[in-house]
Structures are given as C-alpha cells and as structure tokens.
Amino acid sequence: MKTAVYLLAGSNLGDRKSYLDTARQSLCELAGELLMESSVYESEPWGFVSENAFLNQVLLYETELTPDELLQTIKAVETKNGRIHAKNGYSSRTLDIDILFYGNLILASADLTLPHPVLHKRRFTLLPLAEIAPDLLHPVFKLNIKQLLERCEDLGKVNKM
C-alpha cells in the first residue's frame, strides 16, 4: 500500500543546494515517487549555534516502505552524503532528512516518533510545508499546517530562496 510522506531535507555544510538535490534524487530511487516539493528556504540554525545557515526543503513522496524501512533508507542516504550524527544534540551537517508525517500515522517508538515531535515549533519546517500543504491536518493537534504556522512562536529568520 502506498502512503504519502512529508520529509524535510536540510543542509548547512558544503554545497548545501547540491546536498538537497542529491537527497531528492536518492529518495526518488530508493523511497518512492516524488509528488511535490517546496521552494528552498534559508534559515538560521535552530537549537544550536553555527555560523552556517541552513537550506531546507519539504518533499512529498508516495512510498510503499514501512516507517522503519523509510527511516533506514533516510539514514543510509544521510551517511552516504557525509552525515555524522552528533552524540549530544544538534550540530552542523551536510544532510539531514526528517520524516514529518507518514500518512496520518501516530507512532512513538525508540527510533521514531510520528508526526515529527517538534515540527510545530520550527518556522523553518512550517513555512515550506505550508507552501505545499497548508490544509494538511496534524493528526495529534487537529490543526492544519497554516494554523500551526500562525501559532508558531519561533522567530528565527526564514527566507525563500
């Protein structure tokens, strides 16, 4: 069965745009069909200090992978592109891909929480998501993305490229 999944790809090291392009293409080959993509947005780091701004983009795929298979595929794509996972919290990275939504699934496991547990607190996630899916309903909060964006307290700078 095919499921719609919303992903957020981000990069703040090296050729950021190239990493986003590589992520998009790799996921087309490994995860499923790309249905929509947002514009690319530039934002300051969230949750840590870095001189390097992020490029972020929301991608909508249709996949037959299970949530765990999708997560493992994403981790493989990140690793192939030089991602080093920080032991304590956030850090700069060549490529980061988050699963925002997997259909309407609500899941809390040791490896994966769906929907993404802090997407509603991140302006850099909500702006590109609102661009392609403003009426998408968050299955936990019962608010759509446009409403979540209006309530978001994150004041970080986010600019469409």
N, C-alpha and C. Protein backbone atom coordinates (compact mmCIF):
# COMPACT_ATOMS: atom_id res chain seq x y z
N MET A 1 0.83 -1.19 0.00
CA MET A 1 0.00 0.00 0.00
C MET A 1 0.88 1.26 0.00
N LYS A 2 0.53 2.22 -0.82
CA LYS A 2 1.30 3.44 -0.90
C LYS A 2 0.81 4.46 0.13
N THR A 3 1.77 5.15 0.72
CA THR A 3 1.47 6.14 1.75
C THR A 3 2.16 7.45 1.41
N ALA A 4 1.46 8.56 1.62
CA ALA A 4 2.05 9.89 1.43
C ALA A 4 2.92 10.21 2.63
N VAL A 5 4.15 10.62 2.36
CA VAL A 5 5.08 11.00 3.43
C VAL A 5 5.67 12.37 3.13
N TYR A 6 5.68 13.21 4.15
CA TYR A 6 6.29 14.52 4.04
C TYR A 6 7.63 14.47 4.75
N LEU A 7 8.68 14.88 4.03
CA LEU A 7 10.03 14.89 4.56
C LEU A 7 10.59 16.30 4.52
N LEU A 8 11.50 16.59 5.43
CA LEU A 8 12.22 17.85 5.41
C LEU A 8 13.69 17.54 5.22
N ALA A 9 14.27 18.06 4.14
CA ALA A 9 15.70 17.91 3.89
C ALA A 9 16.39 19.22 4.22
N GLY A 10 17.53 19.13 4.90
CA GLY A 10 18.27 20.33 5.27
C GLY A 10 19.77 20.11 5.19
N SER A 11 20.50 21.20 4.97
CA SER A 11 21.96 21.14 4.90
C SER A 11 22.52 22.50 5.28
N ASN A 12 23.63 22.48 6.07
CA ASN A 12 24.31 23.75 6.35
C ASN A 12 25.83 23.61 6.24
N LEU A 13 26.29 22.57 5.59
CA LEU A 13 27.73 22.40 5.34
C LEU A 13 27.98 22.10 3.87
N GLY A 14 29.09 22.60 3.35
CA GLY A 14 29.46 22.29 1.97
C GLY A 14 28.52 22.92 0.97
N ASP A 15 28.35 22.25 -0.17
CA ASP A 15 27.46 22.71 -1.23
C ASP A 15 26.03 22.33 -0.84
N ARG A 16 25.41 23.19 -0.06
CA ARG A 16 24.11 22.89 0.54
C ARG A 16 23.05 22.52 -0.50
N LYS A 17 22.97 23.29 -1.57
CA LYS A 17 21.96 23.03 -2.61
C LYS A 17 22.21 21.68 -3.28
N SER A 18 23.46 21.34 -3.50
CA SER A 18 23.79 20.06 -4.10
C SER A 18 23.37 18.90 -3.20
N TYR A 19 23.56 19.07 -1.89
CA TYR A 19 23.12 18.02 -0.96
C TYR A 19 21.61 17.84 -1.00
N LEU A 20 20.86 18.93 -1.10
CA LEU A 20 19.40 18.82 -1.20
C LEU A 20 19.00 18.12 -2.50
N ASP A 21 19.68 18.47 -3.58
CA ASP A 21 19.38 17.85 -4.88
C ASP A 21 19.68 16.35 -4.83
N THR A 22 20.80 15.99 -4.23
CA THR A 22 21.19 14.59 -4.11
C THR A 22 20.18 13.83 -3.25
N ALA A 23 19.77 14.42 -2.17
CA ALA A 23 18.78 13.78 -1.29
C ALA A 23 17.49 13.52 -2.05
N ARG A 24 17.00 14.52 -2.76
CA ARG A 24 15.75 14.39 -3.52
C ARG A 24 15.85 13.26 -4.54
N GLN A 25 16.96 13.22 -5.28
CA GLN A 25 17.14 12.20 -6.31
C GLN A 25 17.31 10.81 -5.70
N SER A 26 18.10 10.71 -4.64
CA SER A 26 18.32 9.41 -3.99
C SER A 26 17.01 8.85 -3.45
N LEU A 27 16.20 9.71 -2.86
CA LEU A 27 14.92 9.26 -2.32
C LEU A 27 13.94 8.85 -3.43
N CYS A 28 14.04 9.49 -4.59
CA CYS A 28 13.23 9.06 -5.74
C CYS A 28 13.60 7.63 -6.13
N GLU A 29 14.88 7.32 -6.08
CA GLU A 29 15.35 5.99 -6.47
C GLU A 29 15.07 4.94 -5.40
N LEU A 30 15.10 5.33 -4.14
CA LEU A 30 15.06 4.36 -3.04
C LEU A 30 13.75 4.31 -2.26
N ALA A 31 13.02 5.42 -2.23
CA ALA A 31 11.87 5.50 -1.32
C ALA A 31 10.52 5.55 -2.03
N GLY A 32 10.47 6.13 -3.21
CA GLY A 32 9.18 6.22 -3.88
C GLY A 32 9.11 7.39 -4.85
N GLU A 33 7.90 7.71 -5.25
CA GLU A 33 7.67 8.75 -6.25
C GLU A 33 7.54 10.12 -5.58
N LEU A 34 8.30 11.09 -6.11
CA LEU A 34 8.20 12.46 -5.64
C LEU A 34 6.95 13.09 -6.24
N LEU A 35 6.04 13.54 -5.38
CA LEU A 35 4.79 14.14 -5.83
C LEU A 35 4.84 15.66 -5.84
N MET A 36 5.49 16.24 -4.83
CA MET A 36 5.59 17.70 -4.72
C MET A 36 6.86 18.06 -3.98
N GLU A 37 7.31 19.29 -4.22
CA GLU A 37 8.43 19.82 -3.46
C GLU A 37 8.22 21.31 -3.25
N SER A 38 8.63 21.78 -2.08
CA SER A 38 8.53 23.20 -1.79
C SER A 38 9.68 23.94 -2.43
N SER A 39 9.62 25.25 -2.34
CA SER A 39 10.79 26.06 -2.67
C SER A 39 11.87 25.74 -1.65
N VAL A 40 13.07 26.19 -1.92
CA VAL A 40 14.17 26.05 -0.96
C VAL A 40 14.17 27.31 -0.10
N TYR A 41 14.33 27.12 1.20
CA TYR A 41 14.35 28.21 2.17
C TYR A 41 15.69 28.22 2.89
N GLU A 42 16.17 29.43 3.21
CA GLU A 42 17.38 29.56 4.00
C GLU A 42 16.99 30.02 5.40
N SER A 43 17.58 29.37 6.41
CA SER A 43 17.24 29.71 7.79
C SER A 43 18.46 29.61 8.68
N GLU A 44 18.37 30.33 9.79
CA GLU A 44 19.45 30.22 10.77
C GLU A 44 19.30 28.91 11.52
N PRO A 45 20.39 28.39 12.07
CA PRO A 45 20.31 27.13 12.83
C PRO A 45 19.31 27.22 13.96
N TRP A 46 18.69 26.09 14.28
CA TRP A 46 17.68 26.00 15.34
C TRP A 46 18.18 25.00 16.37
N GLY A 47 18.26 25.42 17.61
CA GLY A 47 18.65 24.51 18.68
C GLY A 47 20.14 24.45 18.96
N PHE A 48 20.95 25.18 18.17
CA PHE A 48 22.38 25.24 18.40
C PHE A 48 22.94 26.45 17.66
N VAL A 49 24.19 26.79 17.97
CA VAL A 49 24.84 27.96 17.37
C VAL A 49 25.78 27.50 16.26
N SER A 50 25.68 28.15 15.11
CA SER A 50 26.58 27.89 13.98
C SER A 50 26.59 29.14 13.11
N GLU A 51 27.72 29.38 12.48
CA GLU A 51 27.81 30.50 11.53
C GLU A 51 27.17 30.14 10.19
N ASN A 52 26.90 28.87 9.98
CA ASN A 52 26.40 28.40 8.68
C ASN A 52 24.88 28.29 8.67
N ALA A 53 24.25 29.03 7.77
CA ALA A 53 22.80 28.97 7.62
C ALA A 53 22.41 27.66 6.92
N PHE A 54 21.19 27.23 7.18
CA PHE A 54 20.66 26.01 6.56
C PHE A 54 19.89 26.35 5.29
N LEU A 55 19.92 25.44 4.34
CA LEU A 55 18.94 25.39 3.28
C LEU A 55 18.01 24.25 3.64
N ASN A 56 16.70 24.47 3.50
CA ASN A 56 15.70 23.46 3.81
C ASN A 56 14.67 23.38 2.70
N GLN A 57 14.13 22.17 2.53
CA GLN A 57 13.09 21.95 1.53
C GLN A 57 12.20 20.80 2.00
N VAL A 58 10.89 20.98 1.84
CA VAL A 58 9.94 19.91 2.14
C VAL A 58 9.65 19.14 0.86
N LEU A 59 9.64 17.83 0.99
CA LEU A 59 9.41 16.92 -0.13
C LEU A 59 8.24 16.00 0.21
N LEU A 60 7.33 15.82 -0.73
CA LEU A 60 6.21 14.90 -0.57
C LEU A 60 6.43 13.72 -1.49
N TYR A 61 6.54 12.54 -0.89
CA TYR A 61 6.71 11.29 -1.64
C TYR A 61 5.52 10.39 -1.40
N GLU A 62 5.34 9.46 -2.31
CA GLU A 62 4.42 8.35 -2.11
C GLU A 62 5.31 7.11 -2.02
N THR A 63 5.21 6.39 -0.92
CA THR A 63 6.12 5.28 -0.68
C THR A 63 5.36 4.00 -0.32
N GLU A 64 5.99 2.88 -0.61
CA GLU A 64 5.50 1.58 -0.16
C GLU A 64 6.32 1.08 1.01
N LEU A 65 7.34 1.84 1.41
CA LEU A 65 8.18 1.46 2.54
C LEU A 65 7.42 1.63 3.85
N THR A 66 7.70 0.78 4.81
CA THR A 66 7.16 0.95 6.15
C THR A 66 7.88 2.14 6.79
N PRO A 67 7.36 2.68 7.89
CA PRO A 67 8.07 3.77 8.56
C PRO A 67 9.52 3.40 8.92
N ASP A 68 9.74 2.20 9.44
CA ASP A 68 11.11 1.78 9.80
C ASP A 68 12.00 1.63 8.57
N GLU A 69 11.46 1.08 7.50
CA GLU A 69 12.24 0.96 6.25
C GLU A 69 12.59 2.34 5.70
N LEU A 70 11.63 3.26 5.77
CA LEU A 70 11.89 4.62 5.31
C LEU A 70 12.98 5.28 6.15
N LEU A 71 12.91 5.11 7.46
CA LEU A 71 13.92 5.68 8.35
C LEU A 71 15.30 5.11 8.03
N GLN A 72 15.41 3.82 7.82
CA GLN A 72 16.70 3.21 7.50
C GLN A 72 17.22 3.70 6.14
N THR A 73 16.32 3.87 5.19
CA THR A 73 16.69 4.40 3.87
C THR A 73 17.23 5.82 4.00
N ILE A 74 16.55 6.64 4.78
CA ILE A 74 16.97 8.02 5.01
C ILE A 74 18.34 8.06 5.67
N LYS A 75 18.54 7.23 6.70
CA LYS A 75 19.84 7.20 7.38
C LYS A 75 20.96 6.80 6.43
N ALA A 76 20.68 5.86 5.52
CA ALA A 76 21.68 5.44 4.54
C ALA A 76 22.02 6.58 3.59
N VAL A 77 21.01 7.33 3.14
CA VAL A 77 21.24 8.47 2.25
C VAL A 77 22.05 9.55 2.98
N GLU A 78 21.71 9.83 4.23
CA GLU A 78 22.45 10.82 5.01
C GLU A 78 23.92 10.39 5.16
N THR A 79 24.15 9.15 5.52
CA THR A 79 25.51 8.65 5.73
C THR A 79 26.31 8.69 4.44
N LYS A 80 25.69 8.30 3.34
CA LYS A 80 26.36 8.32 2.04
C LYS A 80 26.80 9.74 1.66
N ASN A 81 26.09 10.73 2.20
CA ASN A 81 26.39 12.13 1.91
C ASN A 81 27.18 12.80 3.03
N GLY A 82 27.87 12.01 3.83
CA GLY A 82 28.80 12.56 4.81
C GLY A 82 28.21 12.97 6.13
N ARG A 83 26.97 12.59 6.41
CA ARG A 83 26.34 12.97 7.67
C ARG A 83 27.02 12.25 8.83
N ILE A 84 27.38 13.01 9.83
CA ILE A 84 27.89 12.46 11.08
C ILE A 84 26.90 12.85 12.16
N HIS A 85 26.33 11.84 12.83
CA HIS A 85 25.32 12.11 13.86
C HIS A 85 25.99 12.54 15.16
N ALA A 86 25.58 13.69 15.67
CA ALA A 86 26.12 14.22 16.93
C ALA A 86 25.64 13.35 18.08
N LYS A 87 26.49 13.18 19.05
CA LYS A 87 26.13 12.38 20.23
C LYS A 87 25.21 13.16 21.18
N ASN A 88 25.46 14.47 21.33
CA ASN A 88 24.67 15.27 22.27
C ASN A 88 24.02 16.43 21.53
N GLY A 89 22.80 16.24 21.07
CA GLY A 89 22.04 17.35 20.50
C GLY A 89 22.34 17.63 19.04
N TYR A 90 22.09 18.87 18.64
CA TYR A 90 22.19 19.28 17.24
C TYR A 90 23.59 19.77 16.90
N SER A 91 23.94 19.64 15.61
CA SER A 91 25.21 20.15 15.13
C SER A 91 25.07 20.44 13.64
N SER A 92 26.08 21.11 13.08
CA SER A 92 26.09 21.35 11.64
C SER A 92 26.17 20.01 10.91
N ARG A 93 25.59 19.96 9.69
CA ARG A 93 25.58 18.70 8.96
C ARG A 93 25.45 18.92 7.46
N THR A 94 26.01 17.98 6.73
CA THR A 94 25.92 18.02 5.28
C THR A 94 24.49 17.75 4.82
N LEU A 95 23.84 16.80 5.50
CA LEU A 95 22.48 16.45 5.10
C LEU A 95 21.71 15.90 6.29
N ASP A 96 20.52 16.41 6.45
CA ASP A 96 19.61 15.95 7.50
C ASP A 96 18.24 15.78 6.85
N ILE A 97 17.62 14.62 7.04
CA ILE A 97 16.30 14.38 6.48
C ILE A 97 15.39 13.90 7.61
N ASP A 98 14.34 14.65 7.85
CA ASP A 98 13.38 14.31 8.89
C ASP A 98 12.08 13.82 8.26
N ILE A 99 11.48 12.80 8.87
CA ILE A 99 10.13 12.38 8.48
C ILE A 99 9.17 13.25 9.28
N LEU A 100 8.43 14.10 8.59
CA LEU A 100 7.47 14.98 9.25
C LEU A 100 6.15 14.26 9.50
N PHE A 101 5.61 13.66 8.44
CA PHE A 101 4.36 12.92 8.50
C PHE A 101 4.49 11.65 7.67
N TYR A 102 3.92 10.58 8.16
CA TYR A 102 3.80 9.32 7.42
C TYR A 102 2.31 9.03 7.38
N GLY A 103 1.65 9.51 6.32
CA GLY A 103 0.20 9.45 6.28
C GLY A 103 -0.36 10.14 7.51
N ASN A 104 -1.33 9.53 8.15
CA ASN A 104 -1.90 10.06 9.40
C ASN A 104 -1.41 9.28 10.61
N LEU A 105 -0.35 8.51 10.42
CA LEU A 105 0.14 7.63 11.47
C LEU A 105 0.63 8.41 12.69
N ILE A 106 0.22 7.95 13.85
CA ILE A 106 0.75 8.44 15.12
C ILE A 106 1.55 7.29 15.71
N LEU A 107 2.84 7.53 15.95
CA LEU A 107 3.75 6.47 16.37
C LEU A 107 4.77 7.03 17.35
N ALA A 108 5.06 6.26 18.39
CA ALA A 108 6.13 6.62 19.32
C ALA A 108 6.90 5.35 19.64
N SER A 109 8.07 5.21 19.03
CA SER A 109 8.93 4.06 19.29
C SER A 109 10.29 4.58 19.74
N ALA A 110 11.18 3.67 20.05
CA ALA A 110 12.52 4.07 20.48
C ALA A 110 13.27 4.80 19.37
N ASP A 111 12.97 4.46 18.11
CA ASP A 111 13.71 5.03 16.97
C ASP A 111 12.98 6.12 16.22
N LEU A 112 11.67 6.21 16.37
CA LEU A 112 10.90 7.10 15.51
C LEU A 112 9.63 7.58 16.20
N THR A 113 9.39 8.90 16.12
CA THR A 113 8.15 9.48 16.60
C THR A 113 7.48 10.18 15.42
N LEU A 114 6.22 9.85 15.20
CA LEU A 114 5.44 10.43 14.11
C LEU A 114 4.10 10.92 14.64
N PRO A 115 3.65 12.07 14.15
CA PRO A 115 4.38 13.05 13.35
C PRO A 115 5.65 13.52 14.09
N HIS A 116 6.52 14.19 13.35
CA HIS A 116 7.76 14.68 13.95
C HIS A 116 7.41 15.48 15.21
N PRO A 117 8.06 15.17 16.33
CA PRO A 117 7.62 15.72 17.62
C PRO A 117 7.77 17.23 17.81
N VAL A 118 8.62 17.90 17.04
CA VAL A 118 8.77 19.35 17.23
C VAL A 118 8.52 20.16 15.95
N LEU A 119 7.92 19.54 14.96
CA LEU A 119 7.71 20.29 13.71
C LEU A 119 6.88 21.54 13.93
N HIS A 120 5.95 21.53 14.88
CA HIS A 120 5.08 22.68 15.15
C HIS A 120 5.83 23.83 15.83
N LYS A 121 7.05 23.58 16.29
CA LYS A 121 7.86 24.62 16.95
C LYS A 121 8.89 25.24 16.02
N ARG A 122 8.96 24.78 14.78
CA ARG A 122 10.03 25.18 13.86
C ARG A 122 9.47 25.92 12.65
N ARG A 123 9.71 27.20 12.61
CA ARG A 123 9.29 28.02 11.48
C ARG A 123 9.90 27.54 10.17
N PHE A 124 11.17 27.09 10.22
CA PHE A 124 11.87 26.64 9.02
C PHE A 124 11.25 25.36 8.45
N THR A 125 10.48 24.66 9.25
CA THR A 125 9.75 23.47 8.78
C THR A 125 8.36 23.86 8.31
N LEU A 126 7.68 24.68 9.08
CA LEU A 126 6.30 25.03 8.79
C LEU A 126 6.14 25.88 7.53
N LEU A 127 7.05 26.81 7.27
CA LEU A 127 6.92 27.66 6.07
C LEU A 127 6.93 26.85 4.77
N PRO A 128 7.94 26.01 4.55
CA PRO A 128 7.90 25.22 3.30
C PRO A 128 6.77 24.20 3.28
N LEU A 129 6.40 23.67 4.44
CA LEU A 129 5.28 22.73 4.50
C LEU A 129 3.97 23.43 4.15
N ALA A 130 3.80 24.64 4.66
CA ALA A 130 2.59 25.42 4.37
C ALA A 130 2.51 25.80 2.89
N GLU A 131 3.67 25.91 2.25
CA GLU A 131 3.68 26.25 0.82
C GLU A 131 3.02 25.16 -0.02
N ILE A 132 3.25 23.89 0.33
CA ILE A 132 2.72 22.80 -0.49
C ILE A 132 1.53 22.07 0.15
N ALA A 133 1.32 22.26 1.46
CA ALA A 133 0.22 21.53 2.12
C ALA A 133 -0.39 22.34 3.27
N PRO A 134 -0.90 23.55 2.98
CA PRO A 134 -1.41 24.40 4.06
C PRO A 134 -2.58 23.79 4.82
N ASP A 135 -3.34 22.93 4.16
CA ASP A 135 -4.53 22.35 4.79
C ASP A 135 -4.30 20.96 5.38
N LEU A 136 -3.06 20.48 5.31
CA LEU A 136 -2.73 19.18 5.88
C LEU A 136 -3.01 19.22 7.38
N LEU A 137 -3.77 18.25 7.86
CA LEU A 137 -4.17 18.22 9.25
C LEU A 137 -3.16 17.43 10.08
N HIS A 138 -2.69 18.05 11.16
CA HIS A 138 -1.80 17.36 12.10
C HIS A 138 -2.69 16.41 12.91
N PRO A 139 -2.42 15.10 12.86
CA PRO A 139 -3.32 14.14 13.49
C PRO A 139 -3.35 14.19 15.03
N VAL A 140 -2.36 14.81 15.65
CA VAL A 140 -2.35 14.92 17.11
C VAL A 140 -3.01 16.23 17.55
N PHE A 141 -2.59 17.34 16.96
CA PHE A 141 -3.09 18.65 17.38
C PHE A 141 -4.43 19.03 16.76
N LYS A 142 -4.82 18.32 15.69
CA LYS A 142 -6.08 18.59 14.98
C LYS A 142 -6.14 20.02 14.45
N LEU A 143 -4.97 20.53 14.06
CA LEU A 143 -4.85 21.84 13.41
C LEU A 143 -4.15 21.61 12.08
N ASN A 144 -4.47 22.47 11.10
CA ASN A 144 -3.76 22.33 9.83
C ASN A 144 -2.44 23.09 9.89
N ILE A 145 -1.63 22.91 8.86
CA ILE A 145 -0.29 23.49 8.86
C ILE A 145 -0.34 25.01 8.91
N LYS A 146 -1.28 25.61 8.19
CA LYS A 146 -1.42 27.07 8.21
C LYS A 146 -1.70 27.54 9.64
N GLN A 147 -2.57 26.85 10.36
CA GLN A 147 -2.89 27.22 11.74
C GLN A 147 -1.68 27.03 12.66
N LEU A 148 -0.94 25.94 12.46
CA LEU A 148 0.27 25.72 13.26
C LEU A 148 1.29 26.82 13.03
N LEU A 149 1.42 27.25 11.78
CA LEU A 149 2.35 28.33 11.45
C LEU A 149 1.92 29.63 12.12
N GLU A 150 0.64 29.92 12.12
CA GLU A 150 0.13 31.14 12.77
C GLU A 150 0.40 31.14 14.27
N ARG A 151 0.45 29.96 14.88
CA ARG A 151 0.66 29.82 16.33
C ARG A 151 2.12 29.62 16.71
N CYS A 152 2.98 29.43 15.72
CA CYS A 152 4.39 29.12 15.98
C CYS A 152 5.09 30.32 16.64
N GLU A 153 5.78 30.04 17.73
CA GLU A 153 6.48 31.10 18.48
C GLU A 153 7.94 31.28 18.04
N ASP A 154 8.40 30.45 17.13
CA ASP A 154 9.77 30.55 16.63
C ASP A 154 9.91 31.83 15.81
N LEU A 155 10.84 32.67 16.19
CA LEU A 155 11.07 33.94 15.50
C LEU A 155 12.31 33.92 14.61
N GLY A 156 12.86 32.73 14.39
CA GLY A 156 14.05 32.59 13.55
C GLY A 156 13.80 33.08 12.13
N LYS A 157 14.83 33.64 11.52
CA LYS A 157 14.72 34.14 10.15
C LYS A 157 14.66 32.98 9.18
N VAL A 158 13.66 33.03 8.29
CA VAL A 158 13.49 32.02 7.25
C VAL A 158 13.14 32.77 5.98
N ASN A 159 13.97 32.59 4.94
CA ASN A 159 13.76 33.31 3.69
C ASN A 159 13.70 32.36 2.52
N LYS A 160 12.68 32.56 1.67
CA LYS A 160 12.58 31.77 0.44
C LYS A 160 13.71 32.16 -0.48
N MET A 161 14.35 31.19 -1.07
CA MET A 161 15.48 31.46 -1.98
C MET A 161 14.97 31.78 -3.37
